[in-house]
N, C-alpha and C. Protein backbone atom coordinates (compact mmCIF):
# COMPACT_ATOMS: atom_id res chain seq x y z
N MET A 1 0.83 -1.18 0.00
CA MET A 1 0.00 0.00 0.00
C MET A 1 0.88 1.25 0.00
N LYS A 2 0.59 2.15 -0.88
CA LYS A 2 1.39 3.36 -1.01
C LYS A 2 1.07 4.32 0.14
N GLN A 3 2.14 4.89 0.72
CA GLN A 3 2.00 5.82 1.85
C GLN A 3 1.58 7.20 1.34
N PRO A 4 0.86 7.96 2.16
CA PRO A 4 0.48 9.32 1.76
C PRO A 4 1.72 10.20 1.54
N LEU A 5 1.57 11.15 0.67
CA LEU A 5 2.68 12.04 0.32
C LEU A 5 3.19 12.81 1.54
N ILE A 6 2.30 13.25 2.41
CA ILE A 6 2.71 14.03 3.58
C ILE A 6 3.60 13.20 4.50
N ARG A 7 3.31 11.91 4.64
CA ARG A 7 4.13 11.02 5.47
C ARG A 7 5.52 10.86 4.85
N THR A 8 5.57 10.71 3.56
CA THR A 8 6.86 10.57 2.87
C THR A 8 7.69 11.84 3.04
N ILE A 9 7.05 12.99 2.87
CA ILE A 9 7.75 14.26 3.05
C ILE A 9 8.26 14.38 4.49
N TYR A 10 7.42 14.03 5.45
CA TYR A 10 7.81 14.08 6.86
C TYR A 10 9.04 13.20 7.12
N LEU A 11 9.01 11.96 6.65
CA LEU A 11 10.11 11.04 6.90
C LEU A 11 11.42 11.54 6.28
N TYR A 12 11.36 11.97 5.03
CA TYR A 12 12.57 12.46 4.38
C TYR A 12 13.07 13.77 5.02
N LEU A 13 12.15 14.64 5.40
CA LEU A 13 12.54 15.90 6.02
C LEU A 13 13.25 15.67 7.35
N PHE A 14 12.69 14.79 8.19
CA PHE A 14 13.32 14.56 9.49
C PHE A 14 14.59 13.72 9.38
N ALA A 15 14.68 12.87 8.38
CA ALA A 15 15.94 12.17 8.13
C ALA A 15 17.01 13.18 7.72
N LEU A 16 16.63 14.14 6.88
CA LEU A 16 17.56 15.19 6.46
C LEU A 16 17.98 16.07 7.64
N ILE A 17 17.03 16.43 8.49
CA ILE A 17 17.35 17.25 9.67
C ILE A 17 18.34 16.50 10.57
N GLY A 18 18.09 15.21 10.79
CA GLY A 18 19.02 14.42 11.60
C GLY A 18 20.40 14.36 10.99
N LEU A 19 20.45 14.21 9.67
CA LEU A 19 21.74 14.16 8.97
C LEU A 19 22.47 15.51 9.08
N VAL A 20 21.73 16.60 8.96
CA VAL A 20 22.34 17.93 9.08
C VAL A 20 22.86 18.15 10.50
N LEU A 21 22.10 17.76 11.51
CA LEU A 21 22.56 17.90 12.89
C LEU A 21 23.84 17.10 13.13
N MET A 22 23.89 15.89 12.60
CA MET A 22 25.11 15.08 12.75
C MET A 22 26.27 15.73 12.03
N ALA A 23 26.03 16.28 10.84
CA ALA A 23 27.10 16.93 10.09
C ALA A 23 27.63 18.15 10.85
N ILE A 24 26.74 18.96 11.38
CA ILE A 24 27.16 20.14 12.14
C ILE A 24 27.97 19.72 13.37
N GLY A 25 27.47 18.73 14.10
CA GLY A 25 28.18 18.25 15.28
C GLY A 25 29.54 17.69 14.94
N THR A 26 29.63 16.95 13.85
CA THR A 26 30.90 16.36 13.44
C THR A 26 31.88 17.45 13.01
N VAL A 27 31.41 18.43 12.27
CA VAL A 27 32.28 19.54 11.84
C VAL A 27 32.80 20.30 13.06
N ARG A 28 31.92 20.60 14.00
CA ARG A 28 32.34 21.33 15.20
C ARG A 28 33.33 20.52 16.03
N LEU A 29 33.09 19.22 16.12
CA LEU A 29 33.99 18.34 16.86
C LEU A 29 35.36 18.28 16.19
N THR A 30 35.37 18.18 14.87
CA THR A 30 36.62 18.18 14.12
C THR A 30 37.36 19.50 14.33
N ASP A 31 36.64 20.61 14.29
CA ASP A 31 37.22 21.93 14.53
C ASP A 31 37.86 21.98 15.92
N LEU A 32 37.16 21.46 16.91
CA LEU A 32 37.67 21.45 18.28
C LEU A 32 38.95 20.63 18.38
N VAL A 33 38.96 19.45 17.78
CA VAL A 33 40.15 18.59 17.82
C VAL A 33 41.32 19.27 17.12
N LEU A 34 41.07 19.88 15.97
CA LEU A 34 42.15 20.57 15.25
C LEU A 34 42.71 21.73 16.06
N LYS A 35 41.83 22.52 16.69
CA LYS A 35 42.30 23.65 17.50
C LYS A 35 43.04 23.19 18.75
N THR A 36 42.66 22.05 19.29
CA THR A 36 43.28 21.58 20.53
C THR A 36 44.65 20.97 20.27
N PHE A 37 44.78 20.18 19.21
CA PHE A 37 46.01 19.40 19.03
C PHE A 37 46.91 19.88 17.90
N ILE A 38 46.39 20.54 16.89
CA ILE A 38 47.22 20.92 15.75
C ILE A 38 47.42 22.43 15.70
N PHE A 39 46.34 23.18 15.64
CA PHE A 39 46.43 24.63 15.56
C PHE A 39 46.22 25.22 16.96
N THR A 40 47.20 25.02 17.81
CA THR A 40 47.05 25.35 19.23
C THR A 40 46.95 26.85 19.50
N ARG A 41 47.38 27.68 18.56
CA ARG A 41 47.30 29.13 18.77
C ARG A 41 46.05 29.73 18.14
N ALA A 42 45.17 28.90 17.62
CA ALA A 42 44.00 29.40 16.88
C ALA A 42 43.03 30.17 17.77
N ASP A 43 42.97 29.85 19.03
CA ASP A 43 42.02 30.55 19.91
C ASP A 43 42.73 31.22 21.08
N GLN A 44 43.92 31.72 20.83
CA GLN A 44 44.68 32.39 21.88
C GLN A 44 44.07 33.70 22.32
N GLU A 45 43.27 34.33 21.47
CA GLU A 45 42.69 35.62 21.85
C GLU A 45 41.80 35.49 23.07
N LEU A 46 41.35 34.29 23.39
CA LEU A 46 40.52 34.11 24.58
C LEU A 46 41.30 34.44 25.85
N ASN A 47 42.61 34.31 25.82
CA ASN A 47 43.42 34.65 26.99
C ASN A 47 43.47 36.15 27.23
N TYR A 48 43.27 36.95 26.20
CA TYR A 48 43.35 38.39 26.35
C TYR A 48 42.11 38.98 27.00
N MET A 49 41.06 38.22 27.09
CA MET A 49 39.82 38.73 27.66
C MET A 49 39.69 38.34 29.14
N LYS A 50 40.78 37.97 29.76
CA LYS A 50 40.72 37.52 31.15
C LYS A 50 40.30 38.63 32.10
N GLN A 51 40.76 39.84 31.87
CA GLN A 51 40.49 40.90 32.84
C GLN A 51 39.79 42.07 32.16
N PRO A 52 38.78 42.58 32.80
CA PRO A 52 38.10 43.74 32.23
C PRO A 52 38.97 44.98 32.43
N PRO A 53 38.81 45.97 31.58
CA PRO A 53 39.58 47.20 31.78
C PRO A 53 39.13 47.91 33.05
N MET A 54 40.08 48.51 33.71
CA MET A 54 39.78 49.25 34.94
C MET A 54 39.36 50.67 34.57
N ILE A 55 38.51 51.24 35.37
CA ILE A 55 38.09 52.63 35.16
C ILE A 55 39.27 53.52 35.53
N SER A 56 39.60 54.41 34.65
CA SER A 56 40.75 55.28 34.89
C SER A 56 40.34 56.48 35.73
N LEU A 57 41.05 56.66 36.82
CA LEU A 57 40.82 57.84 37.66
C LEU A 57 41.73 58.98 37.24
N PHE A 58 42.63 58.67 36.30
CA PHE A 58 43.60 59.65 35.84
C PHE A 58 43.46 59.81 34.33
N PRO A 59 42.60 60.71 33.87
CA PRO A 59 42.39 60.87 32.43
C PRO A 59 43.68 61.24 31.72
N GLY A 60 43.91 60.62 30.57
CA GLY A 60 45.08 60.92 29.78
C GLY A 60 46.31 60.14 30.18
N LYS A 61 46.25 59.35 31.23
CA LYS A 61 47.40 58.57 31.67
C LYS A 61 47.03 57.09 31.69
N ASP A 62 48.00 56.26 31.34
CA ASP A 62 47.80 54.82 31.48
C ASP A 62 48.17 54.42 32.89
N VAL A 63 47.23 53.90 33.62
CA VAL A 63 47.47 53.51 35.01
C VAL A 63 47.21 52.01 35.11
N SER A 64 48.17 51.30 35.67
CA SER A 64 48.00 49.86 35.81
C SER A 64 47.04 49.56 36.96
N GLU A 65 46.60 48.31 36.99
CA GLU A 65 45.70 47.89 38.08
C GLU A 65 46.37 48.07 39.44
N GLU A 66 47.65 47.68 39.51
CA GLU A 66 48.36 47.78 40.78
C GLU A 66 48.42 49.23 41.26
N ASP A 67 48.71 50.15 40.31
CA ASP A 67 48.76 51.57 40.67
C ASP A 67 47.40 52.06 41.16
N LEU A 68 46.36 51.63 40.48
CA LEU A 68 45.01 52.04 40.86
C LEU A 68 44.67 51.53 42.25
N VAL A 69 44.96 50.27 42.51
CA VAL A 69 44.66 49.69 43.82
C VAL A 69 45.49 50.36 44.90
N SER A 70 46.78 50.58 44.63
CA SER A 70 47.62 51.23 45.65
C SER A 70 47.16 52.68 45.89
N THR A 71 46.73 53.36 44.84
CA THR A 71 46.21 54.73 45.00
C THR A 71 44.96 54.72 45.88
N ILE A 72 44.09 53.76 45.64
CA ILE A 72 42.87 53.67 46.46
C ILE A 72 43.23 53.35 47.91
N GLU A 73 44.20 52.45 48.11
CA GLU A 73 44.61 52.11 49.48
C GLU A 73 45.22 53.33 50.18
N LYS A 74 46.07 54.08 49.47
CA LYS A 74 46.68 55.28 50.06
C LYS A 74 45.63 56.34 50.38
N CYS A 75 44.70 56.49 49.45
CA CYS A 75 43.65 57.49 49.66
C CYS A 75 42.78 57.11 50.85
N GLN A 76 42.61 55.82 51.03
CA GLN A 76 41.80 55.36 52.15
C GLN A 76 42.44 55.80 53.47
N GLU A 77 43.77 55.79 53.51
CA GLU A 77 44.48 56.19 54.72
C GLU A 77 44.57 57.71 54.87
N LYS A 78 44.82 58.42 53.76
CA LYS A 78 45.10 59.85 53.82
C LYS A 78 43.89 60.74 53.56
N CYS A 79 43.00 60.30 52.71
CA CYS A 79 41.87 61.16 52.32
C CYS A 79 40.87 61.28 53.46
N ASP A 80 40.13 62.34 53.40
CA ASP A 80 39.11 62.59 54.41
C ASP A 80 37.85 61.82 54.01
N LEU A 81 37.70 60.62 54.55
CA LEU A 81 36.57 59.75 54.20
C LEU A 81 35.76 59.44 55.44
N THR A 82 34.49 59.23 55.23
CA THR A 82 33.64 58.82 56.35
C THR A 82 33.90 57.35 56.63
N ALA A 83 33.43 56.90 57.78
CA ALA A 83 33.61 55.49 58.15
C ALA A 83 32.91 54.57 57.15
N ASP A 84 31.76 55.03 56.66
CA ASP A 84 31.01 54.23 55.68
C ASP A 84 31.78 54.11 54.37
N GLU A 85 32.40 55.21 53.92
CA GLU A 85 33.18 55.17 52.68
C GLU A 85 34.41 54.28 52.84
N LYS A 86 35.05 54.35 54.01
CA LYS A 86 36.20 53.47 54.25
C LYS A 86 35.78 52.01 54.25
N GLU A 87 34.62 51.74 54.83
CA GLU A 87 34.11 50.37 54.84
C GLU A 87 33.80 49.89 53.42
N GLN A 88 33.26 50.78 52.59
CA GLN A 88 32.97 50.43 51.20
C GLN A 88 34.26 50.15 50.43
N ILE A 89 35.28 50.94 50.67
CA ILE A 89 36.57 50.72 50.00
C ILE A 89 37.18 49.41 50.46
N ASP A 90 37.13 49.13 51.77
CA ASP A 90 37.63 47.84 52.27
C ASP A 90 36.90 46.68 51.61
N SER A 91 35.60 46.81 51.52
CA SER A 91 34.79 45.76 50.90
C SER A 91 35.16 45.59 49.43
N TRP A 92 35.34 46.72 48.72
CA TRP A 92 35.70 46.65 47.31
C TRP A 92 37.07 46.00 47.14
N LEU A 93 38.05 46.39 47.97
CA LEU A 93 39.39 45.82 47.87
C LEU A 93 39.36 44.31 48.13
N LYS A 94 38.58 43.89 49.12
CA LYS A 94 38.46 42.47 49.42
C LYS A 94 37.84 41.72 48.23
N ASP A 95 36.74 42.29 47.70
CA ASP A 95 36.10 41.67 46.54
C ASP A 95 37.03 41.63 45.34
N TYR A 96 37.79 42.70 45.15
CA TYR A 96 38.72 42.77 44.02
C TYR A 96 39.81 41.71 44.14
N ARG A 97 40.36 41.54 45.33
CA ARG A 97 41.40 40.52 45.52
C ARG A 97 40.84 39.11 45.34
N ASN A 98 39.62 38.88 45.82
CA ASN A 98 38.97 37.58 45.59
C ASN A 98 38.76 37.35 44.09
N TRP A 99 38.35 38.39 43.39
CA TRP A 99 38.16 38.29 41.94
C TRP A 99 39.47 37.96 41.25
N GLN A 100 40.57 38.62 41.67
CA GLN A 100 41.88 38.35 41.08
C GLN A 100 42.28 36.88 41.28
N GLU A 101 42.06 36.35 42.48
CA GLU A 101 42.41 34.95 42.75
C GLU A 101 41.57 34.01 41.90
N THR A 102 40.30 34.31 41.76
CA THR A 102 39.41 33.47 40.96
C THR A 102 39.82 33.49 39.49
N VAL A 103 40.11 34.67 38.97
CA VAL A 103 40.50 34.81 37.56
C VAL A 103 41.83 34.09 37.31
N ALA A 104 42.74 34.15 38.27
CA ALA A 104 44.03 33.49 38.10
C ALA A 104 43.88 31.98 37.97
N ARG A 105 42.85 31.41 38.58
CA ARG A 105 42.64 29.96 38.52
C ARG A 105 41.88 29.52 37.27
N MET A 106 41.23 30.45 36.59
CA MET A 106 40.40 30.09 35.44
C MET A 106 41.24 29.86 34.19
N ASP A 107 40.80 28.90 33.39
CA ASP A 107 41.40 28.65 32.08
C ASP A 107 40.28 28.84 31.05
N TYR A 108 40.26 30.03 30.46
CA TYR A 108 39.16 30.38 29.57
C TYR A 108 39.11 29.51 28.32
N ARG A 109 40.28 29.16 27.80
CA ARG A 109 40.28 28.31 26.61
C ARG A 109 39.72 26.94 26.92
N ALA A 110 40.07 26.37 28.06
CA ALA A 110 39.54 25.05 28.43
C ALA A 110 38.03 25.13 28.62
N GLN A 111 37.55 26.20 29.23
CA GLN A 111 36.11 26.36 29.41
C GLN A 111 35.39 26.45 28.06
N GLN A 112 35.96 27.22 27.13
CA GLN A 112 35.34 27.35 25.81
C GLN A 112 35.36 26.01 25.08
N ARG A 113 36.46 25.28 25.19
CA ARG A 113 36.53 23.97 24.54
C ARG A 113 35.51 23.00 25.14
N ASP A 114 35.33 23.05 26.44
CA ASP A 114 34.32 22.19 27.06
C ASP A 114 32.92 22.53 26.56
N ARG A 115 32.64 23.83 26.43
CA ARG A 115 31.33 24.24 25.89
C ARG A 115 31.15 23.77 24.45
N ASP A 116 32.21 23.93 23.64
CA ASP A 116 32.14 23.50 22.24
C ASP A 116 31.95 21.99 22.15
N LEU A 117 32.65 21.25 22.99
CA LEU A 117 32.52 19.79 22.99
C LEU A 117 31.11 19.38 23.37
N ALA A 118 30.56 20.01 24.39
CA ALA A 118 29.20 19.68 24.81
C ALA A 118 28.20 19.97 23.71
N GLN A 119 28.34 21.11 23.03
CA GLN A 119 27.42 21.44 21.94
C GLN A 119 27.56 20.47 20.78
N SER A 120 28.78 20.13 20.43
CA SER A 120 29.00 19.21 19.31
C SER A 120 28.40 17.84 19.60
N LEU A 121 28.65 17.35 20.80
CA LEU A 121 28.10 16.04 21.16
C LEU A 121 26.58 16.09 21.22
N ALA A 122 26.02 17.21 21.66
CA ALA A 122 24.56 17.34 21.69
C ALA A 122 23.98 17.26 20.28
N PHE A 123 24.62 17.94 19.32
CA PHE A 123 24.16 17.86 17.94
C PHE A 123 24.18 16.42 17.44
N ILE A 124 25.27 15.73 17.73
CA ILE A 124 25.41 14.35 17.26
C ILE A 124 24.41 13.44 17.97
N LEU A 125 24.27 13.59 19.29
CA LEU A 125 23.37 12.73 20.05
C LEU A 125 21.90 12.95 19.70
N VAL A 126 21.55 14.13 19.26
CA VAL A 126 20.18 14.38 18.83
C VAL A 126 20.00 13.96 17.37
N GLY A 127 20.98 14.27 16.54
CA GLY A 127 20.86 14.00 15.11
C GLY A 127 20.93 12.54 14.75
N LEU A 128 21.77 11.78 15.43
CA LEU A 128 21.96 10.36 15.08
C LEU A 128 20.68 9.54 15.24
N PRO A 129 20.03 9.54 16.40
CA PRO A 129 18.80 8.75 16.50
C PRO A 129 17.69 9.28 15.58
N LEU A 130 17.63 10.59 15.42
CA LEU A 130 16.62 11.17 14.53
C LEU A 130 16.81 10.65 13.11
N TYR A 131 18.03 10.68 12.65
CA TYR A 131 18.34 10.19 11.30
C TYR A 131 18.11 8.68 11.19
N LEU A 132 18.66 7.93 12.13
CA LEU A 132 18.56 6.46 12.05
C LEU A 132 17.12 5.99 12.08
N TYR A 133 16.31 6.56 12.94
CA TYR A 133 14.91 6.13 13.03
C TYR A 133 14.16 6.42 11.74
N HIS A 134 14.26 7.64 11.26
CA HIS A 134 13.50 8.02 10.07
C HIS A 134 14.03 7.33 8.82
N TRP A 135 15.35 7.17 8.70
CA TRP A 135 15.89 6.51 7.52
C TRP A 135 15.55 5.02 7.52
N SER A 136 15.58 4.40 8.70
CA SER A 136 15.21 2.97 8.74
C SER A 136 13.73 2.79 8.41
N THR A 137 12.90 3.74 8.83
CA THR A 137 11.47 3.68 8.48
C THR A 137 11.29 3.83 6.97
N ILE A 138 12.02 4.74 6.36
CA ILE A 138 11.95 4.92 4.90
C ILE A 138 12.38 3.64 4.19
N LYS A 139 13.50 3.06 4.62
CA LYS A 139 13.99 1.83 3.98
C LYS A 139 13.00 0.69 4.14
N ARG A 140 12.45 0.54 5.34
CA ARG A 140 11.50 -0.54 5.60
C ARG A 140 10.25 -0.38 4.73
N GLU A 141 9.72 0.83 4.63
CA GLU A 141 8.52 1.06 3.83
C GLU A 141 8.81 0.90 2.34
N THR A 142 9.99 1.33 1.90
CA THR A 142 10.35 1.16 0.49
C THR A 142 10.48 -0.32 0.15
N LYS A 143 11.07 -1.09 1.07
CA LYS A 143 11.21 -2.53 0.86
C LYS A 143 9.84 -3.20 0.82
N ASN A 144 8.94 -2.81 1.72
CA ASN A 144 7.59 -3.39 1.75
C ASN A 144 6.83 -3.06 0.47
N GLU A 145 6.99 -1.84 -0.05
CA GLU A 145 6.32 -1.47 -1.30
C GLU A 145 6.87 -2.25 -2.48
N ALA A 146 8.19 -2.50 -2.46
CA ALA A 146 8.80 -3.24 -3.56
C ALA A 146 8.34 -4.69 -3.56
N GLU A 147 8.14 -5.26 -2.38
CA GLU A 147 7.69 -6.65 -2.28
C GLU A 147 6.21 -6.80 -2.63
N ALA A 148 5.44 -5.76 -2.42
CA ALA A 148 3.99 -5.86 -2.66
C ALA A 148 3.62 -5.76 -4.11
């Protein structure tokens, strides 16, 4: 018995979608492997985004983070600040040092590679069963029609 046209379109469309998902996942996985083992400098720019730029308190001058922090610490001791402002500066300095320690432990490239790997595997894990199920259904129905 011949299947309705809409069913045939559905089966071929979802088989194609599964195949495309697998292709995308495989390409992304291949890209990840090449960047990790062969073209190791391909994603080095991720290391440059480790620290956000600091707000400059000295317009027209390049001030390093260390200079900015030491200036704030000196001002905390010498400037005429209220107890609340000193407490806020202490809190900011503590948070800033914690942030520095956390950033020093992070490996941004490894995190990005883990995200890419997870996405690639997700494409493959979704696309493979989608393709296999619909393509096997197409083959089975084509075989049944040929025998009938």
